[in-house]
Amino acid sequence: MPKRRVHVAAAAIFNDQGQVLIARRPSIADQGGLWEFPGGKLAPYETGLEALRRELREELGISIQRAQPLIRVHHEYPDKHILLDVWETHDFEGEPWGREGQAVRWVSPDDFGRYAFPAANGPIIRAVTLPHDYLITGEASDEDEFDRKLKRALVEDGIKLVQLRAHDLEESVYRARAERALATCREHGASLVLNCSLETFRAVNADGLHLPSRELMALTHRPIEEGKWLAASTHNDEQLAQAQRLGCDFATLSPVRETPSHPGAVTIGWHDLQQMVEEVTMPVYALGGTSRDDGDRARAVGAQGIASIREFWR
């Protein structure tokens, strides 16, 4: 018999300190005692946002003023198929409290590891933890210019996630640049992901590793430990599926639009990007001809946000 399908709206509610509200499931409920992001099942004919507003009034006594899509997660249980339709909000009225007797707590995303969540919440935790802009570094005439451009992006654009991409550098030069970039990122509260050999990644001990699509497709298992970001470049459904099989924490999907560096390339477009993202349970950044002006559109079709060189590297 076909599994029962359950559509659930949930919220990542942020306060002014950057903490996120989580709630503990009642002990008598399915997976009781675990922590989760507040929300509940859609009633007939409700949209995800309508259900979210209703559930948060009933559960927490707050009124959502504005929310944006964060991630949609499909998860299979033995007896049912769950769709978690997750929204992010920073704009609400009221002070949340457990109106149904449930424990609620404001938690820094860095502390999520101290709490037990249902397995289906793993992709949500990654999406909540990741920023919505992903800087990929571009060319620089020398190391002084590289350092200046990186610091400008961190300070002026508020970038919190950086990929160090420089395939033209010798490995020793790349490693030296990576060590400086890591110190700069740490100083400004950003994470640094390296696009390099596994040996260099381990030597630098950066925050994560980004796999080019060719290397992604050659792997049979996750190459680095949990607790470090593992990302991948993808361009089609097959590569996205491989990234998920390997346990990648997030991916880029490109090209969304034609770019000056690849004129005439076949592009994905927003409609196909939405369909492709729906098939995986990990955050995906839209890359290729994107700018910050596309951020809301990218999130509306299910992406984590945008990744770019030209938008941030100047």
C-alpha atoms as a PDB file:
ATOM      1  CA  MET A   1       0.000   0.000   0.000  1.00  0.00           C
ATOM      2  CA  PRO A   2       1.220   3.557  -0.683  1.00  0.00           C
ATOM      3  CA  LYS A   3       2.635   5.387   2.296  1.00  0.00           C
ATOM      4  CA  ARG A   4       0.681   8.097   4.033  1.00  0.00           C
ATOM      5  CA  ARG A   5       1.971  11.536   2.951  1.00  0.00           C
ATOM      6  CA  VAL A   6       2.248  14.231   5.606  1.00  0.00           C
ATOM      7  CA  HIS A   7       2.975  17.904   4.805  1.00  0.00           C
ATOM      8  CA  VAL A   8       4.409  19.823   7.768  1.00  0.00           C
ATOM      9  CA  ALA A   9       5.233  23.535   7.964  1.00  0.00           C
ATOM     10  CA  ALA A  10       8.070  24.449  10.327  1.00  0.00           C
ATOM     11  CA  ALA A  11       9.910  27.620  11.251  1.00  0.00           C
ATOM     12  CA  ALA A  12      13.459  28.705  11.951  1.00  0.00           C
ATOM     13  CA  ILE A  13      12.659  31.681  14.199  1.00  0.00           C
ATOM     14  CA  PHE A  14      15.610  34.014  14.789  1.00  0.00           C
ATOM     15  CA  ASN A  15      15.887  36.618  17.550  1.00  0.00           C
ATOM     16  CA  ASP A  16      18.011  39.757  17.466  1.00  0.00           C
ATOM     17  CA  GLN A  17      20.993  37.864  18.951  1.00  0.00           C
ATOM     18  CA  GLY A  18      21.028  35.351  16.080  1.00  0.00           C
ATOM     19  CA  GLN A  19      19.620  32.551  18.240  1.00  0.00           C
ATOM     20  CA  VAL A  20      17.001  30.130  16.921  1.00  0.00           C
ATOM     21  CA  LEU A  21      13.954  28.884  18.805  1.00  0.00           C
ATOM     22  CA  ILE A  22      13.613  25.113  19.242  1.00  0.00           C
ATOM     23  CA  ALA A  23      10.904  23.130  21.031  1.00  0.00           C
ATOM     24  CA  ARG A  24      10.899  19.714  22.675  1.00  0.00           C
ATOM     25  CA  ARG A  25       8.371  17.142  21.518  1.00  0.00           C
ATOM     26  CA  PRO A  26       6.046  15.802  24.266  1.00  0.00           C
ATOM     27  CA  SER A  27       7.175  12.470  25.672  1.00  0.00           C
ATOM     28  CA  ILE A  28       3.947  10.794  24.530  1.00  0.00           C
ATOM     29  CA  ALA A  29       4.327  11.972  20.919  1.00  0.00           C
ATOM     30  CA  ASP A  30       6.093  10.150  18.089  1.00  0.00           C
ATOM     31  CA  GLN A  31       9.865  10.656  18.688  1.00  0.00           C
ATOM     32  CA  GLY A  32       8.953  12.228  22.017  1.00  0.00           C
ATOM     33  CA  GLY A  33      11.674  14.026  23.937  1.00  0.00           C
ATOM     34  CA  LEU A  34      13.562  15.106  20.819  1.00  0.00           C
ATOM     35  CA  TRP A  35      13.980  18.753  19.909  1.00  0.00           C
ATOM     36  CA  GLU A  36      12.552  20.233  16.710  1.00  0.00           C
ATOM     37  CA  PHE A  37      11.780  23.446  14.881  1.00  0.00           C
ATOM     38  CA  PRO A  38       8.252  24.606  15.799  1.00  0.00           C
ATOM     39  CA  GLY A  39       5.373  24.011  13.414  1.00  0.00           C
ATOM     40  CA  GLY A  40       2.754  21.451  12.513  1.00  0.00           C
ATOM     41  CA  LYS A  41       0.694  19.701   9.846  1.00  0.00           C
ATOM     42  CA  LEU A  42      -1.154  21.608   7.168  1.00  0.00           C
ATOM     43  CA  ALA A  43      -4.930  21.622   7.444  1.00  0.00           C
ATOM     44  CA  PRO A  44      -6.919  20.967   4.248  1.00  0.00           C
ATOM     45  CA  TYR A  45      -6.542  23.782   1.707  1.00  0.00           C
ATOM     46  CA  GLU A  46      -3.855  25.616   3.712  1.00  0.00           C
ATOM     47  CA  THR A  47      -0.613  26.811   2.157  1.00  0.00           C
ATOM     48  CA  GLY A  48       2.641  26.242   4.020  1.00  0.00           C
ATOM     49  CA  LEU A  49       2.825  29.846   5.175  1.00  0.00           C
ATOM     50  CA  GLU A  50      -0.822  29.895   6.269  1.00  0.00           C
ATOM     51  CA  ALA A  51      -0.296  26.746   8.310  1.00  0.00           C
ATOM     52  CA  LEU A  52       2.876  28.140   9.817  1.00  0.00           C
ATOM     53  CA  ARG A  53       1.152  31.317  10.980  1.00  0.00           C
ATOM     54  CA  ARG A  54      -1.674  29.330  12.530  1.00  0.00           C
ATOM     55  CA  GLU A  55       0.584  26.771  14.226  1.00  0.00           C
ATOM     56  CA  LEU A  56       2.885  29.386  15.735  1.00  0.00           C
ATOM     57  CA  ARG A  57      -0.066  31.332  17.153  1.00  0.00           C
ATOM     58  CA  GLU A  58      -1.442  28.151  18.696  1.00  0.00           C
ATOM     59  CA  GLU A  59       1.868  26.682  19.923  1.00  0.00           C
ATOM     60  CA  LEU A  60       3.901  29.767  20.834  1.00  0.00           C
ATOM     61  CA  GLY A  61       1.546  32.733  21.003  1.00  0.00           C
ATOM     62  CA  ILE A  62       3.451  34.726  18.385  1.00  0.00           C
ATOM     63  CA  SER A  63       2.352  36.353  15.151  1.00  0.00           C
ATOM     64  CA  ILE A  64       4.602  36.007  12.098  1.00  0.00           C
ATOM     65  CA  GLN A  65       4.845  39.286  10.174  1.00  0.00           C
ATOM     66  CA  ARG A  66       7.130  38.127   7.359  1.00  0.00           C
ATOM     67  CA  ALA A  67       8.859  34.862   6.437  1.00  0.00           C
ATOM     68  CA  GLN A  68      10.934  33.461   3.582  1.00  0.00           C
ATOM     69  CA  PRO A  69      11.316  29.876   2.363  1.00  0.00           C
ATOM     70  CA  LEU A  70      14.397  28.158   3.790  1.00  0.00           C
ATOM     71  CA  ILE A  71      14.379  24.504   2.673  1.00  0.00           C
ATOM     72  CA  ARG A  72      11.964  21.697   1.777  1.00  0.00           C
ATOM     73  CA  VAL A  73      12.962  18.275   3.080  1.00  0.00           C
ATOM     74  CA  HIS A  74      11.436  14.984   1.960  1.00  0.00           C
ATOM     75  CA  HIS A  75      11.994  12.151   4.463  1.00  0.00           C
ATOM     76  CA  GLU A  76      10.887   8.529   4.362  1.00  0.00           C
ATOM     77  CA  TYR A  77       9.745   6.765   7.525  1.00  0.00           C
ATOM     78  CA  PRO A  78       8.624   3.110   7.520  1.00  0.00           C
ATOM     79  CA  ASP A  79       4.962   4.109   7.597  1.00  0.00           C
ATOM     80  CA  LYS A  80       4.852   7.569   6.018  1.00  0.00           C
ATOM     81  CA  HIS A  81       6.456  10.143   3.739  1.00  0.00           C
ATOM     82  CA  ILE A  82       7.082  13.510   5.413  1.00  0.00           C
ATOM     83  CA  LEU A  83       7.546  16.819   3.600  1.00  0.00           C
ATOM     84  CA  LEU A  84       9.026  19.424   5.928  1.00  0.00           C
ATOM     85  CA  ASP A  85       8.272  22.851   4.451  1.00  0.00           C
ATOM     86  CA  VAL A  86      10.636  25.086   6.424  1.00  0.00           C
ATOM     87  CA  TRP A  87      10.483  28.892   6.571  1.00  0.00           C
ATOM     88  CA  GLU A  88      12.834  31.443   8.112  1.00  0.00           C
ATOM     89  CA  THR A  89      11.579  34.465  10.034  1.00  0.00           C
ATOM     90  CA  HIS A  90      13.189  37.335  11.910  1.00  0.00           C
ATOM     91  CA  ASP A  91      10.005  39.392  12.014  1.00  0.00           C
ATOM     92  CA  PHE A  92       7.378  38.371  14.560  1.00  0.00           C
ATOM     93  CA  GLU A  93       5.303  39.890  17.360  1.00  0.00           C
ATOM     94  CA  GLY A  94       4.999  38.497  20.859  1.00  0.00           C
ATOM     95  CA  GLU A  95       7.256  36.588  23.217  1.00  0.00           C
ATOM     96  CA  PRO A  96       7.197  32.857  22.397  1.00  0.00           C
ATOM     97  CA  TRP A  97       6.327  30.405  25.146  1.00  0.00           C
ATOM     98  CA  GLY A  98       5.125  26.802  25.242  1.00  0.00           C
ATOM     99  CA  ARG A  99       1.351  27.247  25.164  1.00  0.00           C
ATOM    100  CA  GLU A 100       0.872  23.468  24.932  1.00  0.00           C
ATOM    101  CA  GLY A 101       3.203  22.720  27.840  1.00  0.00           C
ATOM    102  CA  GLN A 102       6.220  22.037  25.636  1.00  0.00           C
ATOM    103  CA  ALA A 103       9.708  23.231  26.572  1.00  0.00           C
ATOM    104  CA  VAL A 104      11.089  25.936  24.279  1.00  0.00           C
ATOM    105  CA  ARG A 105      14.597  27.352  24.168  1.00  0.00           C
ATOM    106  CA  TRP A 106      16.623  29.963  22.275  1.00  0.00           C
ATOM    107  CA  VAL A 107      19.796  28.293  20.996  1.00  0.00           C
ATOM    108  CA  SER A 108      22.824  29.467  19.015  1.00  0.00           C
ATOM    109  CA  PRO A 109      23.168  27.450  15.772  1.00  0.00           C
ATOM    110  CA  ASP A 110      26.703  26.591  16.915  1.00  0.00           C
ATOM    111  CA  ASP A 111      25.161  24.696  19.851  1.00  0.00           C
ATOM    112  CA  PHE A 112      22.711  22.525  17.888  1.00  0.00           C
ATOM    113  CA  GLY A 113      25.022  19.555  18.402  1.00  0.00           C
ATOM    114  CA  ARG A 114      24.119  19.525  22.107  1.00  0.00           C
ATOM    115  CA  TYR A 115      20.484  18.699  21.307  1.00  0.00           C
ATOM    116  CA  ALA A 116      18.935  15.522  19.896  1.00  0.00           C
ATOM    117  CA  PHE A 117      16.765  16.142  16.812  1.00  0.00           C
ATOM    118  CA  PRO A 118      14.777  13.739  14.611  1.00  0.00           C
ATOM    119  CA  ALA A 119      16.814  12.419  11.677  1.00  0.00           C
ATOM    120  CA  ALA A 120      14.713  14.421   9.202  1.00  0.00           C
ATOM    121  CA  ASN A 121      15.927  17.664  10.810  1.00  0.00           C
ATOM    122  CA  GLY A 122      19.564  17.211   9.703  1.00  0.00           C
ATOM    123  CA  PRO A 123      19.226  19.201   6.446  1.00  0.00           C
ATOM    124  CA  ILE A 124      17.270  21.894   8.290  1.00  0.00           C
ATOM    125  CA  ILE A 125      20.071  22.309  10.816  1.00  0.00           C
ATOM    126  CA  ARG A 126      22.570  22.751   7.982  1.00  0.00           C
ATOM    127  CA  ALA A 127      20.320  25.268   6.220  1.00  0.00           C
ATOM    128  CA  VAL A 128      19.825  27.262   9.432  1.00  0.00           C
ATOM    129  CA  THR A 129      23.560  27.269  10.117  1.00  0.00           C
ATOM    130  CA  LEU A 130      24.644  28.288   6.604  1.00  0.00           C
ATOM    131  CA  PRO A 131      24.439  31.905   5.388  1.00  0.00           C
ATOM    132  CA  HIS A 132      22.529  32.873   2.242  1.00  0.00           C
ATOM    133  CA  ASP A 133      25.549  34.266   0.340  1.00  0.00           C
ATOM    134  CA  TYR A 134      28.554  32.165  -0.704  1.00  0.00           C
ATOM    135  CA  LEU A 135      31.648  33.998  -1.959  1.00  0.00           C
ATOM    136  CA  ILE A 136      33.906  32.197  -4.418  1.00  0.00           C
ATOM    137  CA  THR A 137      37.232  33.999  -4.669  1.00  0.00           C
ATOM    138  CA  GLY A 138      38.429  35.195  -8.052  1.00  0.00           C
ATOM    139  CA  GLU A 139      41.632  36.506  -9.556  1.00  0.00           C
ATOM    140  CA  ALA A 140      44.101  38.822  -7.851  1.00  0.00           C
ATOM    141  CA  SER A 141      47.248  40.399  -9.278  1.00  0.00           C
ATOM    142  CA  ASP A 142      49.196  39.685  -6.101  1.00  0.00           C
ATOM    143  CA  GLU A 143      48.719  38.603  -2.502  1.00  0.00           C
ATOM    144  CA  ASP A 144      48.128  42.141  -1.250  1.00  0.00           C
ATOM    145  CA  GLU A 145      45.238  42.575  -3.680  1.00  0.00           C
ATOM    146  CA  PHE A 146      43.818  39.174  -2.674  1.00  0.00           C
ATOM    147  CA  ASP A 147      43.928  40.107   1.009  1.00  0.00           C
ATOM    148  CA  ARG A 148      42.310  43.482   0.315  1.00  0.00           C
ATOM    149  CA  LYS A 149      39.460  41.990  -1.732  1.00  0.00           C
ATOM    150  CA  LEU A 150      38.779  39.284   0.838  1.00  0.00           C
ATOM    151  CA  LYS A 151      38.713  41.712   3.746  1.00  0.00           C
ATOM    152  CA  ARG A 152      36.438  44.101   1.821  1.00  0.00           C
ATOM    153  CA  ALA A 153      33.925  41.308   1.167  1.00  0.00           C
ATOM    154  CA  LEU A 154      33.941  40.224   4.806  1.00  0.00           C
ATOM    155  CA  VAL A 155      33.589  43.736   6.201  1.00  0.00           C
ATOM    156  CA  GLU A 156      31.450  45.582   3.634  1.00  0.00           C
ATOM    157  CA  ASP A 157      29.309  42.735   2.279  1.00  0.00           C
ATOM    158  CA  GLY A 158      29.128  40.811   5.556  1.00  0.00           C
ATOM    159  CA  ILE A 159      30.159  37.551   3.876  1.00  0.00           C
ATOM    160  CA  LYS A 160      30.217  34.573   6.267  1.00  0.00           C
ATOM    161  CA  LEU A 161      31.094  31.709   3.882  1.00  0.00           C
ATOM    162  CA  VAL A 162      34.083  31.759   1.516  1.00  0.00           C
ATOM    163  CA  GLN A 163      35.435  29.265  -1.006  1.00  0.00           C
ATOM    164  CA  LEU A 164      39.123  29.744  -1.803  1.00  0.00           C
ATOM    165  CA  ARG A 165      39.308  28.854  -5.489  1.00  0.00           C
ATOM    166  CA  ALA A 166      42.664  29.390  -7.230  1.00  0.00           C
ATOM    167  CA  HIS A 167      43.498  26.478  -9.525  1.00  0.00           C
ATOM    168  CA  ASP A 168      46.306  28.412 -11.229  1.00  0.00           C
ATOM    169  CA  LEU A 169      48.442  28.636  -8.061  1.00  0.00           C
ATOM    170  CA  GLU A 170      51.181  26.208  -7.168  1.00  0.00           C
ATOM    171  CA  GLU A 171      50.229  24.122  -4.155  1.00  0.00           C
ATOM    172  CA  SER A 172      52.716  25.789  -1.800  1.00  0.00           C
ATOM    173  CA  VAL A 173      51.466  29.262  -2.792  1.00  0.00           C
ATOM    174  CA  TYR A 174      47.842  28.153  -2.444  1.00  0.00           C
ATOM    175  CA  ARG A 175      48.562  26.764   1.004  1.00  0.00           C
ATOM    176  CA  ALA A 176      50.153  30.016   2.158  1.00  0.00           C
ATOM    177  CA  ARG A 177      47.197  31.994   0.804  1.00  0.00           C
ATOM    178  CA  ALA A 178      44.769  29.605   2.505  1.00  0.00           C
ATOM    179  CA  GLU A 179      46.469  30.002   5.872  1.00  0.00           C
ATOM    180  CA  ARG A 180      46.239  33.796   5.646  1.00  0.00           C
ATOM    181  CA  ALA A 181      42.640  33.642   4.420  1.00  0.00           C
ATOM    182  CA  LEU A 182      41.674  31.335   7.267  1.00  0.00           C
ATOM    183  CA  ALA A 183      43.064  33.754   9.842  1.00  0.00           C
ATOM    184  CA  THR A 184      41.207  36.651   8.193  1.00  0.00           C
ATOM    185  CA  CYS A 185      37.940  34.719   8.029  1.00  0.00           C
ATOM    186  CA  ARG A 186      38.202  33.671  11.659  1.00  0.00           C
ATOM    187  CA  GLU A 187      38.828  37.292  12.645  1.00  0.00           C
ATOM    188  CA  HIS A 188      35.538  38.289  10.981  1.00  0.00           C
ATOM    189  CA  GLY A 189      33.433  35.301  12.034  1.00  0.00           C
ATOM    190  CA  ALA A 190      33.377  33.652   8.597  1.00  0.00           C
ATOM    191  CA  SER A 191      33.978  30.051   7.504  1.00  0.00           C
ATOM    192  CA  LEU A 192      36.587  29.151   4.881  1.00  0.00           C
ATOM    193  CA  VAL A 193      36.097  26.236   2.489  1.00  0.00           C
ATOM    194  CA  LEU A 194      39.075  25.147   0.366  1.00  0.00           C
ATOM    195  CA  ASN A 195      38.916  23.992  -3.254  1.00  0.00           C
ATOM    196  CA  CYS A 196      42.166  22.024  -3.223  1.00  0.00           C
ATOM    197  CA  SER A 197      43.795  18.661  -2.659  1.00  0.00           C
ATOM    198  CA  LEU A 198      42.896  16.630   0.397  1.00  0.00           C
ATOM    199  CA  GLU A 199      46.507  16.906   1.583  1.00  0.00           C
ATOM    200  CA  THR A 200      46.447  20.704   1.527  1.00  0.00           C
ATOM    201  CA  PHE A 201      43.029  20.795   3.181  1.00  0.00           C
ATOM    202  CA  ARG A 202      44.290  18.686   6.072  1.00  0.00           C
ATOM    203  CA  ALA A 203      47.485  20.732   6.394  1.00  0.00           C
ATOM    204  CA  VAL A 204      45.578  24.022   6.643  1.00  0.00           C
ATOM    205  CA  ASN A 205      42.733  22.606   8.776  1.00  0.00           C
ATOM    206  CA  ALA A 206      40.154  24.922   7.219  1.00  0.00           C
ATOM    207  CA  ASP A 207      36.430  24.785   7.922  1.00  0.00           C
ATOM    208  CA  GLY A 208      35.552  22.662   4.909  1.00  0.00           C
ATOM    209  CA  LEU A 209      36.405  21.210   1.508  1.00  0.00           C
ATOM    210  CA  HIS A 210      34.714  22.032  -1.812  1.00  0.00           C
ATOM    211  CA  LEU A 211      34.826  19.293  -4.470  1.00  0.00           C
ATOM    212  CA  PRO A 212      34.933  20.126  -8.196  1.00  0.00           C
ATOM    213  CA  SER A 213      32.339  18.095 -10.102  1.00  0.00           C
ATOM    214  CA  ARG A 214      34.942  15.827 -11.698  1.00  0.00           C
ATOM    215  CA  GLU A 215      36.350  14.815  -8.313  1.00  0.00           C
ATOM    216  CA  LEU A 216      32.849  14.498  -6.885  1.00  0.00           C
ATOM    217  CA  MET A 217      31.878  11.891  -9.483  1.00  0.00           C
ATOM    218  CA  ALA A 218      35.037   9.837  -8.900  1.00  0.00           C
ATOM    219  CA  LEU A 219      34.453   9.337  -5.163  1.00  0.00           C
ATOM    220  CA  THR A 220      32.705   6.415  -3.484  1.00  0.00           C
ATOM    221  CA  HIS A 221      32.554   7.750   0.091  1.00  0.00           C
ATOM    222  CA  ARG A 222      32.750  11.004   2.031  1.00  0.00           C
ATOM    223  CA  PRO A 223      36.430  12.056   1.972  1.00  0.00           C
ATOM    224  CA  ILE A 224      36.484  14.130   5.162  1.00  0.00           C
ATOM    225  CA  GLU A 225      35.136  13.769   8.670  1.00  0.00           C
ATOM    226  CA  GLU A 226      31.775  14.987   9.928  1.00  0.00           C
ATOM    227  CA  GLY A 227      32.035  18.339  11.645  1.00  0.00           C
ATOM    228  CA  LYS A 228      33.752  19.929   8.633  1.00  0.00           C
ATOM    229  CA  TRP A 229      31.728  21.347   5.746  1.00  0.00           C
ATOM    230  CA  LEU A 230      31.785  19.200   2.611  1.00  0.00           C
ATOM    231  CA  ALA A 231      30.534  20.989  -0.500  1.00  0.00           C
ATOM    232  CA  ALA A 232      30.476  20.200  -4.205  1.00  0.00           C
ATOM    233  CA  SER A 233      30.053  21.862  -7.586  1.00  0.00           C
ATOM    234  CA  THR A 234      27.160  20.355  -9.535  1.00  0.00           C
ATOM    235  CA  HIS A 235      25.642  21.032 -12.952  1.00  0.00           C
ATOM    236  CA  ASN A 236      22.936  18.380 -13.392  1.00  0.00           C
ATOM    237  CA  ASP A 237      20.683  15.903 -11.577  1.00  0.00           C
ATOM    238  CA  GLU A 238      23.272  13.127 -11.623  1.00  0.00           C
ATOM    239  CA  GLN A 239      25.894  15.245  -9.886  1.00  0.00           C
ATOM    240  CA  LEU A 240      23.405  16.536  -7.322  1.00  0.00           C
ATOM    241  CA  ALA A 241      22.384  12.974  -6.514  1.00  0.00           C
ATOM    242  CA  GLN A 242      26.030  11.960  -6.136  1.00  0.00           C
ATOM    243  CA  ALA A 243      26.645  14.883  -3.770  1.00  0.00           C
ATOM    244  CA  GLN A 244      23.779  13.670  -1.618  1.00  0.00           C
ATOM    245  CA  ARG A 245      24.989  10.057  -1.651  1.00  0.00           C
ATOM    246  CA  LEU A 246      28.424  11.182  -0.454  1.00  0.00           C
ATOM    247  CA  GLY A 247      26.901  13.130   2.418  1.00  0.00           C
ATOM    248  CA  CYS A 248      27.779  16.597   1.152  1.00  0.00           C
ATOM    249  CA  ASP A 249      26.513  19.314   3.464  1.00  0.00           C
ATOM    250  CA  PHE A 250      25.695  21.692   0.599  1.00  0.00           C
ATOM    251  CA  ALA A 251      26.297  22.184  -3.111  1.00  0.00           C
ATOM    252  CA  THR A 252      26.388  24.810  -5.816  1.00  0.00           C
ATOM    253  CA  LEU A 253      24.254  24.315  -8.930  1.00  0.00           C
ATOM    254  CA  SER A 254      25.256  26.129 -12.117  1.00  0.00           C
ATOM    255  CA  PRO A 255      24.947  27.852 -14.479  1.00  0.00           C
ATOM    256  CA  VAL A 256      21.601  29.432 -13.706  1.00  0.00           C
ATOM    257  CA  ARG A 257      22.193  32.132 -16.322  1.00  0.00           C
ATOM    258  CA  GLU A 258      24.733  32.771 -19.055  1.00  0.00           C
ATOM    259  CA  THR A 259      27.923  34.379 -17.758  1.00  0.00           C
ATOM    260  CA  PRO A 260      30.643  36.464 -19.469  1.00  0.00           C
ATOM    261  CA  SER A 261      33.179  33.696 -18.764  1.00  0.00           C
ATOM    262  CA  HIS A 262      30.998  31.027 -20.456  1.00  0.00           C
ATOM    263  CA  PRO A 263      29.060  32.736 -23.293  1.00  0.00           C
ATOM    264  CA  GLY A 264      26.659  30.451 -25.102  1.00  0.00           C
ATOM    265  CA  ALA A 265      26.670  27.796 -22.362  1.00  0.00           C
ATOM    266  CA  VAL A 266      23.463  25.842 -21.786  1.00  0.00           C
ATOM    267  CA  THR A 267      21.846  27.309 -18.682  1.00  0.00           C
ATOM    268  CA  ILE A 268      19.586  25.727 -16.066  1.00  0.00           C
ATOM    269  CA  GLY A 269      17.153  28.583 -15.459  1.00  0.00           C
ATOM    270  CA  TRP A 270      15.052  29.133 -12.349  1.00  0.00           C
ATOM    271  CA  HIS A 271      12.267  26.690 -13.244  1.00  0.00           C
ATOM    272  CA  ASP A 272      14.581  23.700 -13.732  1.00  0.00           C
ATOM    273  CA  LEU A 273      16.666  24.705 -10.725  1.00  0.00           C
ATOM    274  CA  GLN A 274      13.538  24.497  -8.572  1.00  0.00           C
ATOM    275  CA  GLN A 275      12.753  20.992  -9.826  1.00  0.00           C
ATOM    276  CA  MET A 276      16.343  19.804  -9.311  1.00  0.00           C
ATOM    277  CA  VAL A 277      16.623  21.222  -5.790  1.00  0.00           C
ATOM    278  CA  GLU A 278      13.336  19.552  -4.810  1.00  0.00           C
ATOM    279  CA  GLU A 279      14.914  16.130  -5.419  1.00  0.00           C
ATOM    280  CA  VAL A 280      17.683  16.492  -2.809  1.00  0.00           C
ATOM    281  CA  THR A 281      17.709  17.068   0.930  1.00  0.00           C
ATOM    282  CA  MET A 282      20.616  19.475   1.285  1.00  0.00           C
ATOM    283  CA  PRO A 283      21.078  23.226   0.881  1.00  0.00           C
ATOM    284  CA  VAL A 284      21.921  24.257  -2.702  1.00  0.00           C
ATOM    285  CA  TYR A 285      23.319  27.625  -3.815  1.00  0.00           C
ATOM    286  CA  ALA A 286      22.340  29.058  -7.209  1.00  0.00           C
ATOM    287  CA  LEU A 287      25.506  29.938  -9.157  1.00  0.00           C
ATOM    288  CA  GLY A 288      26.199  31.448 -12.555  1.00  0.00           C
ATOM    289  CA  GLY A 289      25.097  34.960 -13.491  1.00  0.00           C
ATOM    290  CA  THR A 290      23.524  35.498 -10.063  1.00  0.00           C
ATOM    291  CA  SER A 291      23.708  38.571  -7.858  1.00  0.00           C
ATOM    292  CA  ARG A 292      22.359  39.598  -4.481  1.00  0.00           C
ATOM    293  CA  ASP A 293      19.319  40.961  -6.312  1.00  0.00           C
ATOM    294  CA  ASP A 294      18.494  37.313  -7.071  1.00  0.00           C
ATOM    295  CA  GLY A 295      18.616  36.260  -3.412  1.00  0.00           C
ATOM    296  CA  ASP A 296      14.869  36.345  -2.783  1.00  0.00           C
ATOM    297  CA  ARG A 297      14.121  34.630  -6.086  1.00  0.00           C
ATOM    298  CA  ALA A 298      16.664  31.900  -5.388  1.00  0.00           C
ATOM    299  CA  ARG A 299      15.133  31.206  -1.993  1.00  0.00           C
ATOM    300  CA  ALA A 300      11.612  31.288  -3.404  1.00  0.00           C
ATOM    301  CA  VAL A 301      12.483  28.365  -5.712  1.00  0.00           C
ATOM    302  CA  GLY A 302      14.104  26.363  -2.922  1.00  0.00           C
ATOM    303  CA  ALA A 303      17.771  27.363  -3.031  1.00  0.00           C
ATOM    304  CA  GLN A 304      19.760  28.299   0.069  1.00  0.00           C
ATOM    305  CA  GLY A 305      20.800  31.539  -1.605  1.00  0.00           C
ATOM    306  CA  ILE A 306      23.315  32.617  -4.221  1.00  0.00           C
ATOM    307  CA  ALA A 307      26.983  31.865  -4.821  1.00  0.00           C
ATOM    308  CA  SER A 308      29.062  34.293  -6.849  1.00  0.00           C
ATOM    309  CA  ILE A 309      32.508  35.523  -7.759  1.00  0.00           C
ATOM    310  CA  ARG A 310      31.701  38.785  -9.572  1.00  0.00           C
ATOM    311  CA  GLU A 311      29.074  39.968  -7.067  1.00  0.00           C
ATOM    312  CA  PHE A 312      31.434  39.953  -4.084  1.00  0.00           C
ATOM    313  CA  TRP A 313      34.999  39.894  -5.470  1.00  0.00           C
ATOM    314  CA  ARG A 314      35.937  43.473  -6.199  1.00  0.00           C
END
